[in-house]
Amino acid sequence: MAIELRDDVRKQALASIKAYFEERFEEEIGELQAQMMLDFFLEELAPTVYNKAIADAQAFVQEHVVEIDATCFEPEFGYWKKDRK
């Protein structure tokens, strides 16, 4: 599954990459260079980040599913067990 960005997010990412090069390396890079770098990141690095996020979400859900019976439990047939006066 390729990771794709919305157009507005892609534009922000490209602007960020260009600004990073200007600030860190005091070098301007063109739009094409920024696009190529973003495409590389999305193809090479983004799947690792995505997989880590999925694993973290899965661990979170599994941890909370284990507790669901304690969290979402209502005693049954308790009417007659109440102190009725």
C-alpha atoms as a PDB file:
ATOM      1  CA  MET A   1       0.000   0.000   0.000  1.00  0.00           C
ATOM      2  CA  ALA A   2       1.565   3.260  -1.094  1.00  0.00           C
ATOM      3  CA  ILE A   3       1.297   6.122   1.357  1.00  0.00           C
ATOM      4  CA  GLU A   4      -0.213   9.113  -0.387  1.00  0.00           C
ATOM      5  CA  LEU A   5      -0.716  12.616   0.880  1.00  0.00           C
ATOM      6  CA  ARG A   6      -3.555  15.020   0.202  1.00  0.00           C
ATOM      7  CA  ASP A   7      -2.530  17.857  -2.108  1.00  0.00           C
ATOM      8  CA  ASP A   8      -2.554  20.458   0.671  1.00  0.00           C
ATOM      9  CA  VAL A   9      -0.455  18.240   2.949  1.00  0.00           C
ATOM     10  CA  ARG A  10       1.977  17.497   0.120  1.00  0.00           C
ATOM     11  CA  LYS A  11       2.425  21.243  -0.527  1.00  0.00           C
ATOM     12  CA  GLN A  12       3.132  21.841   3.169  1.00  0.00           C
ATOM     13  CA  ALA A  13       5.611  18.955   3.240  1.00  0.00           C
ATOM     14  CA  LEU A  14       7.456  20.296   0.197  1.00  0.00           C
ATOM     15  CA  ALA A  15       7.637  23.769   1.726  1.00  0.00           C
ATOM     16  CA  SER A  16       8.957  22.238   4.932  1.00  0.00           C
ATOM     17  CA  ILE A  17      11.656  20.254   3.108  1.00  0.00           C
ATOM     18  CA  LYS A  18      12.774  23.365   1.227  1.00  0.00           C
ATOM     19  CA  ALA A  19      12.859  25.416   4.440  1.00  0.00           C
ATOM     20  CA  TYR A  20      14.835  22.678   6.199  1.00  0.00           C
ATOM     21  CA  PHE A  21      17.533  22.743   3.523  1.00  0.00           C
ATOM     22  CA  GLU A  22      17.720  26.522   3.641  1.00  0.00           C
ATOM     23  CA  GLU A  23      18.005  26.616   7.429  1.00  0.00           C
ATOM     24  CA  ARG A  24      20.246  23.595   8.019  1.00  0.00           C
ATOM     25  CA  PHE A  25      22.475  23.649   4.972  1.00  0.00           C
ATOM     26  CA  GLU A  26      22.093  27.260   3.845  1.00  0.00           C
ATOM     27  CA  GLU A  27      21.204  25.863   0.437  1.00  0.00           C
ATOM     28  CA  GLU A  28      18.108  26.396  -1.636  1.00  0.00           C
ATOM     29  CA  ILE A  29      16.671  23.364  -3.347  1.00  0.00           C
ATOM     30  CA  GLY A  30      14.177  23.473  -6.165  1.00  0.00           C
ATOM     31  CA  GLU A  31      10.671  22.132  -6.315  1.00  0.00           C
ATOM     32  CA  LEU A  32      11.765  19.030  -8.239  1.00  0.00           C
ATOM     33  CA  GLN A  33      14.475  18.190  -5.701  1.00  0.00           C
ATOM     34  CA  ALA A  34      12.019  18.622  -2.833  1.00  0.00           C
ATOM     35  CA  GLN A  35       9.471  16.421  -4.622  1.00  0.00           C
ATOM     36  CA  MET A  36      12.044  13.717  -5.205  1.00  0.00           C
ATOM     37  CA  MET A  37      13.101  13.820  -1.559  1.00  0.00           C
ATOM     38  CA  LEU A  38       9.486  13.637  -0.372  1.00  0.00           C
ATOM     39  CA  ASP A  39       8.774  10.734  -2.718  1.00  0.00           C
ATOM     40  CA  PHE A  40      11.853   8.933  -1.371  1.00  0.00           C
ATOM     41  CA  PHE A  41      10.746   9.474   2.234  1.00  0.00           C
ATOM     42  CA  LEU A  42       7.236   8.277   1.459  1.00  0.00           C
ATOM     43  CA  GLU A  43       8.460   5.157  -0.303  1.00  0.00           C
ATOM     44  CA  GLU A  44      11.425   4.265   1.880  1.00  0.00           C
ATOM     45  CA  LEU A  45      10.742   5.548   5.412  1.00  0.00           C
ATOM     46  CA  ALA A  46       7.011   6.142   5.744  1.00  0.00           C
ATOM     47  CA  PRO A  47       6.081   2.425   5.770  1.00  0.00           C
ATOM     48  CA  THR A  48       8.300   1.895   8.836  1.00  0.00           C
ATOM     49  CA  VAL A  49       6.643   4.790  10.655  1.00  0.00           C
ATOM     50  CA  TYR A  50       3.192   3.599   9.543  1.00  0.00           C
ATOM     51  CA  ASN A  51       3.845   0.039  10.709  1.00  0.00           C
ATOM     52  CA  LYS A  52       5.067   1.312  14.097  1.00  0.00           C
ATOM     53  CA  ALA A  53       1.939   3.435  14.474  1.00  0.00           C
ATOM     54  CA  ILE A  54      -0.281   0.454  13.629  1.00  0.00           C
ATOM     55  CA  ALA A  55       1.607  -1.736  16.117  1.00  0.00           C
ATOM     56  CA  ASP A  56       1.229   0.918  18.830  1.00  0.00           C
ATOM     57  CA  ALA A  57      -2.495   1.286  18.105  1.00  0.00           C
ATOM     58  CA  GLN A  58      -2.938  -2.487  18.125  1.00  0.00           C
ATOM     59  CA  ALA A  59      -1.138  -2.798  21.483  1.00  0.00           C
ATOM     60  CA  PHE A  60      -3.280   0.014  22.916  1.00  0.00           C
ATOM     61  CA  VAL A  61      -6.512  -1.603  21.745  1.00  0.00           C
ATOM     62  CA  GLN A  62      -5.480  -5.063  22.971  1.00  0.00           C
ATOM     63  CA  GLU A  63      -4.538  -3.651  26.375  1.00  0.00           C
ATOM     64  CA  HIS A  64      -7.915  -1.981  26.736  1.00  0.00           C
ATOM     65  CA  VAL A  65      -9.920  -4.894  25.348  1.00  0.00           C
ATOM     66  CA  VAL A  66      -8.500  -7.072  28.122  1.00  0.00           C
ATOM     67  CA  GLU A  67      -9.960  -4.629  30.660  1.00  0.00           C
ATOM     68  CA  ILE A  68     -13.348  -4.251  28.977  1.00  0.00           C
ATOM     69  CA  ASP A  69     -15.135  -6.819  31.116  1.00  0.00           C
ATOM     70  CA  ALA A  70     -14.053  -5.016  34.287  1.00  0.00           C
ATOM     71  CA  THR A  71     -14.788  -1.573  32.897  1.00  0.00           C
ATOM     72  CA  CYS A  72     -18.069  -2.373  31.170  1.00  0.00           C
ATOM     73  CA  PHE A  73     -19.759  -4.738  33.573  1.00  0.00           C
ATOM     74  CA  GLU A  74     -23.129  -4.443  35.228  1.00  0.00           C
ATOM     75  CA  PRO A  75     -24.205  -7.002  37.836  1.00  0.00           C
ATOM     76  CA  GLU A  76     -27.239  -9.004  36.785  1.00  0.00           C
ATOM     77  CA  PHE A  77     -30.407  -9.699  38.728  1.00  0.00           C
ATOM     78  CA  GLY A  78     -29.543  -7.309  41.539  1.00  0.00           C
ATOM     79  CA  TYR A  79     -33.053  -6.074  42.270  1.00  0.00           C
ATOM     80  CA  TRP A  80     -33.755  -8.599  45.057  1.00  0.00           C
ATOM     81  CA  LYS A  81     -30.269  -8.277  46.503  1.00  0.00           C
ATOM     82  CA  LYS A  82     -30.819  -4.631  47.373  1.00  0.00           C
ATOM     83  CA  ASP A  83     -31.792  -3.775  50.905  1.00  0.00           C
ATOM     84  CA  ARG A  84     -35.549  -3.198  50.571  1.00  0.00           C
ATOM     85  CA  LYS A  85     -37.324  -1.593  53.509  1.00  0.00           C
END
